[in-house]
Amino acid sequence: MAVPKKKASRASGRKRRTHWKVALPALAPCPNCHEKKLLHRVCKNCGMYKGRQVITVGEEE
């Protein structure tokens, strides 16, 4: 089994990790209200999913 002969410096470890980036979530327009929403999720603005009303989104009283 390979064992390092010397301690790896912070710089070399950080250089190796420079490409570990977080990707932004993919957003798509809702076909009903055209608001941006996450893919395969219920629209938070109108409550529609796949052409059906799934949740009721109403005005707070």
C-alpha atoms as a PDB file:
ATOM      1  CA  MET A   1       0.000   0.000   0.000  1.00  0.00           C
ATOM      2  CA  ALA A   2       1.328   3.440  -0.935  1.00  0.00           C
ATOM      3  CA  VAL A   3       2.201   5.728   1.963  1.00  0.00           C
ATOM      4  CA  PRO A   4       3.282   9.387   1.511  1.00  0.00           C
ATOM      5  CA  LYS A   5       6.889  10.055   2.512  1.00  0.00           C
ATOM      6  CA  LYS A   6       6.203  13.648   3.569  1.00  0.00           C
ATOM      7  CA  LYS A   7       3.231  15.620   4.803  1.00  0.00           C
ATOM      8  CA  ALA A   8       1.246  17.188   1.954  1.00  0.00           C
ATOM      9  CA  SER A   9       1.197  20.960   2.315  1.00  0.00           C
ATOM     10  CA  ARG A  10      -2.057  22.919   2.676  1.00  0.00           C
ATOM     11  CA  ALA A  11      -1.444  24.542  -0.697  1.00  0.00           C
ATOM     12  CA  SER A  12      -1.219  21.268  -2.610  1.00  0.00           C
ATOM     13  CA  GLY A  13      -4.353  19.919  -0.955  1.00  0.00           C
ATOM     14  CA  ARG A  14      -6.225  23.131  -1.717  1.00  0.00           C
ATOM     15  CA  LYS A  15      -4.972  23.168  -5.325  1.00  0.00           C
ATOM     16  CA  ARG A  16      -6.378  19.670  -5.790  1.00  0.00           C
ATOM     17  CA  ARG A  17      -9.766  20.783  -4.437  1.00  0.00           C
ATOM     18  CA  THR A  18     -10.127  23.909  -6.620  1.00  0.00           C
ATOM     19  CA  HIS A  19     -12.549  22.114  -8.943  1.00  0.00           C
ATOM     20  CA  TRP A  20     -14.934  20.934  -6.192  1.00  0.00           C
ATOM     21  CA  LYS A  21     -17.590  23.493  -7.019  1.00  0.00           C
ATOM     22  CA  VAL A  22     -21.248  23.545  -6.105  1.00  0.00           C
ATOM     23  CA  ALA A  23     -23.543  23.698  -9.132  1.00  0.00           C
ATOM     24  CA  LEU A  24     -26.544  26.017  -9.135  1.00  0.00           C
ATOM     25  CA  PRO A  25     -29.899  24.225  -9.163  1.00  0.00           C
ATOM     26  CA  ALA A  26     -31.576  23.971 -12.562  1.00  0.00           C
ATOM     27  CA  LEU A  27     -34.592  26.258 -12.831  1.00  0.00           C
ATOM     28  CA  ALA A  28     -37.314  26.083 -15.465  1.00  0.00           C
ATOM     29  CA  PRO A  29     -40.303  28.337 -16.113  1.00  0.00           C
ATOM     30  CA  CYS A  30     -43.652  27.066 -14.847  1.00  0.00           C
ATOM     31  CA  PRO A  31     -45.901  26.342 -17.855  1.00  0.00           C
ATOM     32  CA  ASN A  32     -48.883  27.840 -16.023  1.00  0.00           C
ATOM     33  CA  CYS A  33     -47.603  31.088 -14.455  1.00  0.00           C
ATOM     34  CA  HIS A  34     -44.119  31.335 -16.086  1.00  0.00           C
ATOM     35  CA  GLU A  35     -42.430  31.786 -12.693  1.00  0.00           C
ATOM     36  CA  LYS A  36     -39.033  30.067 -12.262  1.00  0.00           C
ATOM     37  CA  LYS A  37     -39.279  26.769 -10.354  1.00  0.00           C
ATOM     38  CA  LEU A  38     -37.152  23.716  -9.579  1.00  0.00           C
ATOM     39  CA  LEU A  39     -37.512  20.817 -12.014  1.00  0.00           C
ATOM     40  CA  HIS A  40     -39.947  18.024 -11.027  1.00  0.00           C
ATOM     41  CA  ARG A  41     -41.367  20.107  -8.149  1.00  0.00           C
ATOM     42  CA  VAL A  42     -44.680  21.818  -7.464  1.00  0.00           C
ATOM     43  CA  CYS A  43     -44.686  25.505  -8.406  1.00  0.00           C
ATOM     44  CA  LYS A  44     -44.664  27.571  -5.209  1.00  0.00           C
ATOM     45  CA  ASN A  45     -46.365  30.466  -6.951  1.00  0.00           C
ATOM     46  CA  CYS A  46     -49.456  28.747  -8.418  1.00  0.00           C
ATOM     47  CA  GLY A  47     -49.417  25.199  -6.928  1.00  0.00           C
ATOM     48  CA  MET A  48     -49.524  23.384 -10.277  1.00  0.00           C
ATOM     49  CA  TYR A  49     -47.599  20.213 -11.186  1.00  0.00           C
ATOM     50  CA  LYS A  50     -47.901  18.385 -14.520  1.00  0.00           C
ATOM     51  CA  GLY A  51     -51.003  20.381 -15.445  1.00  0.00           C
ATOM     52  CA  ARG A  52     -52.887  19.583 -12.211  1.00  0.00           C
ATOM     53  CA  GLN A  53     -53.628  21.763  -9.191  1.00  0.00           C
ATOM     54  CA  VAL A  54     -51.736  19.960  -6.411  1.00  0.00           C
ATOM     55  CA  ILE A  55     -51.736  22.515  -3.586  1.00  0.00           C
ATOM     56  CA  THR A  56     -53.879  25.546  -2.980  1.00  0.00           C
ATOM     57  CA  VAL A  57     -51.933  28.771  -2.816  1.00  0.00           C
ATOM     58  CA  GLY A  58     -54.073  31.534  -1.411  1.00  0.00           C
ATOM     59  CA  GLU A  59     -53.832  34.995   0.042  1.00  0.00           C
ATOM     60  CA  GLU A  60     -53.241  35.138   3.798  1.00  0.00           C
ATOM     61  CA  GLU A  61     -56.048  36.816   5.680  1.00  0.00           C
END
